[in-house]
PDB file of N, CA and C in Angstrom:
ATOM      1  N   MET A   1     -15.170  35.759-124.635  1.00  0.00           N
ATOM      2  CA  MET A   1     -15.968  35.967-125.817  1.00  0.00           C
ATOM      3  C   MET A   1     -17.457  35.959-125.465  1.00  0.00           C
ATOM      4  N   LEU A   2     -17.857  34.990-124.640  1.00  0.00           N
ATOM      5  CA  LEU A   2     -19.265  34.901-124.253  1.00  0.00           C
ATOM      6  C   LEU A   2     -19.708  36.165-123.518  1.00  0.00           C
ATOM      7  N   ALA A   3     -18.862  36.662-122.619  1.00  0.00           N
ATOM      8  CA  ALA A   3     -19.209  37.880-121.877  1.00  0.00           C
ATOM      9  C   ALA A   3     -19.382  39.062-122.816  1.00  0.00           C
ATOM     10  N   ALA A   4     -18.538  39.159-123.838  1.00  0.00           N
ATOM     11  CA  ALA A   4     -18.637  40.253-124.805  1.00  0.00           C
ATOM     12  C   ALA A   4     -19.951  40.164-125.581  1.00  0.00           C
ATOM     13  N   ILE A   5     -20.314  38.970-126.003  1.00  0.00           N
ATOM     14  CA  ILE A   5     -21.560  38.782-126.755  1.00  0.00           C
ATOM     15  C   ILE A   5     -22.763  39.115-125.888  1.00  0.00           C
ATOM     16  N   ILE A   6     -22.749  38.642-124.656  1.00  0.00           N
ATOM     17  CA  ILE A   6     -23.857  38.926-123.738  1.00  0.00           C
ATOM     18  C   ILE A   6     -23.946  40.425-123.454  1.00  0.00           C
ATOM     19  N   PHE A   7     -22.798  41.080-123.317  1.00  0.00           N
ATOM     20  CA  PHE A   7     -22.801  42.528-123.071  1.00  0.00           C
ATOM     21  C   PHE A   7     -23.485  43.268-124.219  1.00  0.00           C
ATOM     22  N   VAL A   8     -23.127  42.937-125.442  1.00  0.00           N
ATOM     23  CA  VAL A   8     -23.740  43.600-126.601  1.00  0.00           C
ATOM     24  C   VAL A   8     -25.240  43.317-126.636  1.00  0.00           C
ATOM     25  N   ALA A   9     -25.621  42.074-126.369  1.00  0.00           N
ATOM     26  CA  ALA A   9     -27.038  41.692-126.434  1.00  0.00           C
ATOM     27  C   ALA A   9     -27.876  42.382-125.362  1.00  0.00           C
ATOM     28  N   THR A  10     -27.301  42.632-124.207  1.00  0.00           N
ATOM     29  CA  THR A  10     -28.081  43.186-123.099  1.00  0.00           C
ATOM     30  C   THR A  10     -27.938  44.691-122.937  1.00  0.00           C
ATOM     31  N   SER A  11     -26.878  45.272-123.482  1.00  0.00           N
ATOM     32  CA  SER A  11     -26.649  46.706-123.273  1.00  0.00           C
ATOM     33  C   SER A  11     -27.250  47.572-124.378  1.00  0.00           C
ATOM     34  N   GLY A  12     -27.443  46.971-125.553  1.00  0.00           N
ATOM     35  CA  GLY A  12     -27.953  47.741-126.669  1.00  0.00           C
ATOM     36  C   GLY A  12     -26.871  48.448-127.464  1.00  0.00           C
ATOM     37  N   CYS A  13     -25.609  48.262-127.071  1.00  0.00           N
ATOM     38  CA  CYS A  13     -24.533  48.880-127.838  1.00  0.00           C
ATOM     39  C   CYS A  13     -24.302  48.096-129.133  1.00  0.00           C
ATOM     40  N   THR A  14     -23.606  48.714-130.062  1.00  0.00           N
ATOM     41  CA  THR A  14     -23.253  48.014-131.297  1.00  0.00           C
ATOM     42  C   THR A  14     -21.973  47.229-131.072  1.00  0.00           C
ATOM     43  N   TRP A  15     -21.673  46.354-132.015  1.00  0.00           N
ATOM     44  CA  TRP A  15     -20.436  45.567-131.903  1.00  0.00           C
ATOM     45  C   TRP A  15     -19.225  46.488-131.864  1.00  0.00           C
ATOM     46  N   ASN A  16     -19.258  47.577-132.600  1.00  0.00           N
ATOM     47  CA  ASN A  16     -18.125  48.510-132.630  1.00  0.00           C
ATOM     48  C   ASN A  16     -17.979  49.307-131.336  1.00  0.00           C
ATOM     49  N   GLN A  17     -19.017  49.336-130.520  1.00  0.00           N
ATOM     50  CA  GLN A  17     -18.969  50.067-129.248  1.00  0.00           C
ATOM     51  C   GLN A  17     -18.561  49.170-128.084  1.00  0.00           C
ATOM     52  N   LEU A  18     -18.201  47.946-128.357  1.00  0.00           N
ATOM     53  CA  LEU A  18     -17.803  47.009-127.303  1.00  0.00           C
ATOM     54  C   LEU A  18     -16.583  47.566-126.564  1.00  0.00           C
ATOM     55  N   PRO A  19     -16.673  47.759-125.238  1.00  0.00           N
ATOM     56  CA  PRO A  19     -15.528  48.301-124.489  1.00  0.00           C
ATOM     57  C   PRO A  19     -14.302  47.392-124.614  1.00  0.00           C
ATOM     58  N   PRO A  20     -13.122  47.984-124.691  1.00  0.00           N
ATOM     59  CA  PRO A  20     -11.907  47.188-124.873  1.00  0.00           C
ATOM     60  C   PRO A  20     -11.607  46.239-123.711  1.00  0.00           C
ATOM     61  N   GLY A  21     -12.202  46.451-122.564  1.00  0.00           N
ATOM     62  CA  GLY A  21     -11.968  45.587-121.412  1.00  0.00           C
ATOM     63  C   GLY A  21     -12.393  44.141-121.617  1.00  0.00           C
ATOM     64  N   PHE A  22     -13.203  43.896-122.612  1.00  0.00           N
ATOM     65  CA  PHE A  22     -13.649  42.524-122.870  1.00  0.00           C
ATOM     66  C   PHE A  22     -12.607  41.703-123.607  1.00  0.00           C
ATOM     67  N   GLY A  23     -11.630  42.363-124.205  1.00  0.00           N
ATOM     68  CA  GLY A  23     -10.574  41.636-124.904  1.00  0.00           C
ATOM     69  C   GLY A  23     -10.752  41.610-126.402  1.00  0.00           C
ATOM     70  N   PRO A  24     -11.713  40.829-126.913  1.00  0.00           N
ATOM     71  CA  PRO A  24     -11.849  40.751-128.365  1.00  0.00           C
ATOM     72  C   PRO A  24     -12.420  42.049-128.940  1.00  0.00           C
ATOM     73  N   SER A  25     -12.096  42.302-130.187  1.00  0.00           N
ATOM     74  CA  SER A  25     -12.682  43.465-130.860  1.00  0.00           C
ATOM     75  C   SER A  25     -14.144  43.170-131.163  1.00  0.00           C
ATOM     76  N   GLY A  26     -14.883  44.210-131.472  1.00  0.00           N
ATOM     77  CA  GLY A  26     -16.280  44.032-131.837  1.00  0.00           C
ATOM     78  C   GLY A  26     -16.438  43.166-133.070  1.00  0.00           C
ATOM     79  N   VAL A  27     -15.528  43.314-134.021  1.00  0.00           N
ATOM     80  CA  VAL A  27     -15.576  42.512-135.242  1.00  0.00           C
ATOM     81  C   VAL A  27     -15.385  41.030-134.921  1.00  0.00           C
ATOM     82  N   THR A  28     -14.412  40.743-134.051  1.00  0.00           N
ATOM     83  CA  THR A  28     -14.162  39.349-133.659  1.00  0.00           C
ATOM     84  C   THR A  28     -15.351  38.780-132.893  1.00  0.00           C
ATOM     85  N   ALA A  29     -15.903  39.554-131.974  1.00  0.00           N
ATOM     86  CA  ALA A  29     -17.059  39.086-131.201  1.00  0.00           C
ATOM     87  C   ALA A  29     -18.250  38.824-132.121  1.00  0.00           C
ATOM     88  N   PHE A  30     -18.469  39.709-133.082  1.00  0.00           N
ATOM     89  CA  PHE A  30     -19.570  39.514-134.031  1.00  0.00           C
ATOM     90  C   PHE A  30     -19.350  38.264-134.875  1.00  0.00           C
ATOM     91  N   ARG A  31     -18.127  38.071-135.319  1.00  0.00           N
ATOM     92  CA  ARG A  31     -17.828  36.882-136.128  1.00  0.00           C
ATOM     93  C   ARG A  31     -18.089  35.602-135.328  1.00  0.00           C
ATOM     94  N   ARG A  32     -17.658  35.581-134.074  1.00  0.00           N
ATOM     95  CA  ARG A  32     -17.896  34.404-133.231  1.00  0.00           C
ATOM     96  C   ARG A  32     -19.382  34.218-132.978  1.00  0.00           C
ATOM     97  N   PHE A  33     -20.103  35.321-132.717  1.00  0.00           N
ATOM     98  CA  PHE A  33     -21.553  35.242-132.522  1.00  0.00           C
ATOM     99  C   PHE A  33     -22.218  34.614-133.744  1.00  0.00           C
ATOM    100  N   THR A  34     -21.813  35.048-134.930  1.00  0.00           N
ATOM    101  CA  THR A  34     -22.378  34.510-136.167  1.00  0.00           C
ATOM    102  C   THR A  34     -22.068  33.025-136.319  1.00  0.00           C
ATOM    103  N   GLU A  35     -20.825  32.648-136.057  1.00  0.00           N
ATOM    104  CA  GLU A  35     -20.441  31.229-136.151  1.00  0.00           C
ATOM    105  C   GLU A  35     -21.232  30.385-135.163  1.00  0.00           C
ATOM    106  N   TRP A  36     -21.344  30.869-133.938  1.00  0.00           N
ATOM    107  CA  TRP A  36     -22.073  30.116-132.915  1.00  0.00           C
ATOM    108  C   TRP A  36     -23.554  30.041-133.244  1.00  0.00           C
ATOM    109  N   SER A  37     -24.108  31.093-133.819  1.00  0.00           N
ATOM    110  CA  SER A  37     -25.520  31.071-134.217  1.00  0.00           C
ATOM    111  C   SER A  37     -25.758  30.030-135.297  1.00  0.00           C
ATOM    112  N   GLN A  38     -24.876  29.979-136.281  1.00  0.00           N
ATOM    113  CA  GLN A  38     -25.007  28.995-137.361  1.00  0.00           C
ATOM    114  C   GLN A  38     -24.842  27.573-136.845  1.00  0.00           C
ATOM    115  N   ALA A  39     -24.042  27.397-135.802  1.00  0.00           N
ATOM    116  CA  ALA A  39     -23.825  26.074-135.202  1.00  0.00           C
ATOM    117  C   ALA A  39     -24.904  25.726-134.174  1.00  0.00           C
ATOM    118  N   ARG A  40     -25.884  26.617-134.017  1.00  0.00           N
ATOM    119  CA  ARG A  40     -27.005  26.437-133.080  1.00  0.00           C
ATOM    120  C   ARG A  40     -26.549  26.317-131.618  1.00  0.00           C
ATOM    121  N   VAL A  41     -25.466  26.994-131.295  1.00  0.00           N
ATOM    122  CA  VAL A  41     -24.946  26.971-129.928  1.00  0.00           C
ATOM    123  C   VAL A  41     -25.969  27.525-128.947  1.00  0.00           C
ATOM    124  N   TRP A  42     -26.667  28.591-129.339  1.00  0.00           N
ATOM    125  CA  TRP A  42     -27.619  29.226-128.418  1.00  0.00           C
ATOM    126  C   TRP A  42     -28.782  28.300-128.098  1.00  0.00           C
ATOM    127  N   ALA A  43     -29.294  27.596-129.082  1.00  0.00           N
ATOM    128  CA  ALA A  43     -30.390  26.648-128.847  1.00  0.00           C
ATOM    129  C   ALA A  43     -29.920  25.497-127.955  1.00  0.00           C
ATOM    130  N   LYS A  44     -28.698  25.027-128.193  1.00  0.00           N
ATOM    131  CA  LYS A  44     -28.155  23.933-127.370  1.00  0.00           C
ATOM    132  C   LYS A  44     -27.930  24.390-125.935  1.00  0.00           C
ATOM    133  N   LEU A  45     -27.411  25.593-125.771  1.00  0.00           N
ATOM    134  CA  LEU A  45     -27.191  26.142-124.433  1.00  0.00           C
ATOM    135  C   LEU A  45     -28.519  26.321-123.700  1.00  0.00           C
ATOM    136  N   HIS A  46     -29.524  26.828-124.409  1.00  0.00           N
ATOM    137  CA  HIS A  46     -30.853  26.999-123.810  1.00  0.00           C
ATOM    138  C   HIS A  46     -31.393  25.663-123.323  1.00  0.00           C
ATOM    139  N   ARG A  47     -31.256  24.637-124.145  1.00  0.00           N
ATOM    140  CA  ARG A  47     -31.735  23.304-123.770  1.00  0.00           C
ATOM    141  C   ARG A  47     -30.993  22.756-122.550  1.00  0.00           C
ATOM    142  N   LEU A  48     -29.672  22.955-122.504  1.00  0.00           N
ATOM    143  CA  LEU A  48     -28.885  22.503-121.359  1.00  0.00           C
ATOM    144  C   LEU A  48     -29.332  23.186-120.070  1.00  0.00           C
ATOM    145  N   VAL A  49     -29.583  24.485-120.147  1.00  0.00           N
ATOM    146  CA  VAL A  49     -30.038  25.219-118.957  1.00  0.00           C
ATOM    147  C   VAL A  49     -31.406  24.709-118.511  1.00  0.00           C
ATOM    148  N   LEU A  50     -32.325  24.513-119.458  1.00  0.00           N
ATOM    149  CA  LEU A  50     -33.650  23.992-119.101  1.00  0.00           C
ATOM    150  C   LEU A  50     -33.553  22.595-118.494  1.00  0.00           C
ATOM    151  N   ASP A  51     -32.710  21.739-119.067  1.00  0.00           N
ATOM    152  CA  ASP A  51     -32.535  20.389-118.531  1.00  0.00           C
ATOM    153  C   ASP A  51     -31.975  20.419-117.114  1.00  0.00           C
ATOM    154  N   GLU A  52     -30.998  21.280-116.886  1.00  0.00           N
ATOM    155  CA  GLU A  52     -30.395  21.390-115.554  1.00  0.00           C
ATOM    156  C   GLU A  52     -31.408  21.904-114.534  1.00  0.00           C
ATOM    157  N   LEU A  53     -32.136  22.947-114.891  1.00  0.00           N
ATOM    158  CA  LEU A  53     -33.150  23.485-113.977  1.00  0.00           C
ATOM    159  C   LEU A  53     -34.253  22.461-113.726  1.00  0.00           C
ATOM    160  N   GLY A  54     -34.645  21.727-114.773  1.00  0.00           N
ATOM    161  CA  GLY A  54     -35.662  20.695-114.613  1.00  0.00           C
ATOM    162  C   GLY A  54     -35.204  19.586-113.685  1.00  0.00           C
ATOM    163  N   ALA A  55     -33.943  19.174-113.802  1.00  0.00           N
ATOM    164  CA  ALA A  55     -33.400  18.118-112.942  1.00  0.00           C
ATOM    165  C   ALA A  55     -33.377  18.554-111.477  1.00  0.00           C
ATOM    166  N   ARG A  56     -33.220  19.844-111.251  1.00  0.00           N
ATOM    167  CA  ARG A  56     -33.213  20.378-109.881  1.00  0.00           C
ATOM    168  C   ARG A  56     -34.621  20.669-109.359  1.00  0.00           C
ATOM    169  N   GLY A  57     -35.614  20.531-110.219  1.00  0.00           N
ATOM    170  CA  GLY A  57     -36.980  20.852-109.823  1.00  0.00           C
ATOM    171  C   GLY A  57     -37.223  22.340-109.711  1.00  0.00           C
ATOM    172  N   GLU A  58     -36.448  23.132-110.441  1.00  0.00           N
ATOM    173  CA  GLU A  58     -36.539  24.580-110.347  1.00  0.00           C
ATOM    174  C   GLU A  58     -37.279  25.220-111.519  1.00  0.00           C
ATOM    175  N   LEU A  59     -38.037  24.427-112.272  1.00  0.00           N
ATOM    176  CA  LEU A  59     -38.846  24.974-113.362  1.00  0.00           C
ATOM    177  C   LEU A  59     -40.314  24.936-112.980  1.00  0.00           C
ATOM    178  N   ASP A  60     -41.011  26.011-113.248  1.00  0.00           N
ATOM    179  CA  ASP A  60     -42.447  26.067-113.020  1.00  0.00           C
ATOM    180  C   ASP A  60     -43.111  26.224-114.384  1.00  0.00           C
ATOM    181  N   TRP A  61     -43.459  25.094-115.004  1.00  0.00           N
ATOM    182  CA  TRP A  61     -44.009  25.122-116.352  1.00  0.00           C
ATOM    183  C   TRP A  61     -45.378  25.791-116.410  1.00  0.00           C
ATOM    184  N   SER A  62     -46.023  25.997-115.261  1.00  0.00           N
ATOM    185  CA  SER A  62     -47.306  26.694-115.275  1.00  0.00           C
ATOM    186  C   SER A  62     -47.115  28.184-115.591  1.00  0.00           C
ATOM    187  N   ARG A  63     -45.879  28.653-115.533  1.00  0.00           N
ATOM    188  CA  ARG A  63     -45.590  30.063-115.808  1.00  0.00           C
ATOM    189  C   ARG A  63     -44.922  30.258-117.164  1.00  0.00           C
ATOM    190  N   CYS A  64     -44.918  29.236-117.994  1.00  0.00           N
ATOM    191  CA  CYS A  64     -44.267  29.375-119.303  1.00  0.00           C
ATOM    192  C   CYS A  64     -45.247  29.964-120.312  1.00  0.00           C
ATOM    193  N   ALA A  65     -44.706  30.529-121.367  1.00  0.00           N
ATOM    194  CA  ALA A  65     -45.528  31.115-122.426  1.00  0.00           C
ATOM    195  C   ALA A  65     -44.895  30.793-123.768  1.00  0.00           C
ATOM    196  N   ILE A  66     -45.724  30.625-124.756  1.00  0.00           N
ATOM    197  CA  ILE A  66     -45.256  30.416-126.115  1.00  0.00           C
ATOM    198  C   ILE A  66     -45.580  31.669-126.892  1.00  0.00           C
ATOM    199  N   ASP A  67     -44.604  32.180-127.596  1.00  0.00           N
ATOM    200  CA  ASP A  67     -44.772  33.428-128.327  1.00  0.00           C
ATOM    201  C   ASP A  67     -44.658  33.139-129.824  1.00  0.00           C
ATOM    202  N   SER A  68     -45.397  33.873-130.608  1.00  0.00           N
ATOM    203  CA  SER A  68     -45.302  33.712-132.064  1.00  0.00           C
ATOM    204  C   SER A  68     -45.573  35.047-132.726  1.00  0.00           C
ATOM    205  N   VAL A  69     -45.245  35.099-133.983  1.00  0.00           N
ATOM    206  CA  VAL A  69     -45.491  36.296-134.772  1.00  0.00           C
ATOM    207  C   VAL A  69     -46.264  35.884-136.012  1.00  0.00           C
ATOM    208  N   SER A  70     -47.271  36.645-136.334  1.00  0.00           N
ATOM    209  CA  SER A  70     -48.044  36.386-137.550  1.00  0.00           C
ATOM    210  C   SER A  70     -47.846  37.550-138.502  1.00  0.00           C
ATOM    211  N   VAL A  71     -47.665  37.224-139.767  1.00  0.00           N
ATOM    212  CA  VAL A  71     -47.485  38.243-140.785  1.00  0.00           C
ATOM    213  C   VAL A  71     -48.554  38.067-141.839  1.00  0.00           C
ATOM    214  N   ARG A  72     -49.278  39.132-142.136  1.00  0.00           N
ATOM    215  CA  ARG A  72     -50.344  39.081-143.120  1.00  0.00           C
ATOM    216  C   ARG A  72     -49.761  38.886-144.518  1.00  0.00           C
ATOM    217  N   ALA A  73     -50.327  37.971-145.264  1.00  0.00           N
ATOM    218  CA  ALA A  73     -49.900  37.764-146.645  1.00  0.00           C
ATOM    219  C   ALA A  73     -50.553  38.814-147.530  1.00  0.00           C
ATOM    220  N   LEU A  74     -49.751  39.536-148.239  1.00  0.00           N
ATOM    221  CA  LEU A  74     -50.265  40.588-149.109  1.00  0.00           C
ATOM    222  C   LEU A  74     -50.706  40.020-150.455  1.00  0.00           C
ATOM    223  N   LYS A  75     -51.662  40.628-151.062  1.00  0.00           N
ATOM    224  CA  LYS A  75     -52.137  40.284-152.400  1.00  0.00           C
ATOM    225  C   LYS A  75     -52.570  38.820-152.510  1.00  0.00           C
ATOM    226  N   GLY A  76     -53.160  38.296-151.466  1.00  0.00           N
ATOM    227  CA  GLY A  76     -53.705  36.939-151.523  1.00  0.00           C
ATOM    228  C   GLY A  76     -52.671  35.833-151.492  1.00  0.00           C
ATOM    229  N   GLY A  77     -51.455  36.139-151.091  1.00  0.00           N
ATOM    230  CA  GLY A  77     -50.415  35.107-151.024  1.00  0.00           C
ATOM    231  C   GLY A  77     -50.671  34.109-149.918  1.00  0.00           C
ATOM    232  N   ARG A  78     -49.949  33.044-149.927  1.00  0.00           N
ATOM    233  CA  ARG A  78     -50.148  31.984-148.924  1.00  0.00           C
ATOM    234  C   ARG A  78     -49.540  32.332-147.595  1.00  0.00           C
TER     235      ARG A  78
END
């Protein structure tokens, strides 16, 4: 399931274009992706990877960047 989700995320294909070799259908992979997103699996996995790399001394925080998006408030909104 994870391989199917990663394939869709990195290849640019749609869930319906998921090759059958991955096993699950695109609908099933999308449903699992949605469930895992709601359960914050991706944030937890990201944290685990950072913790593991940090424990090994393989992180160079001088090369990190923080990204943000700003949206203009229309009509004087907050």
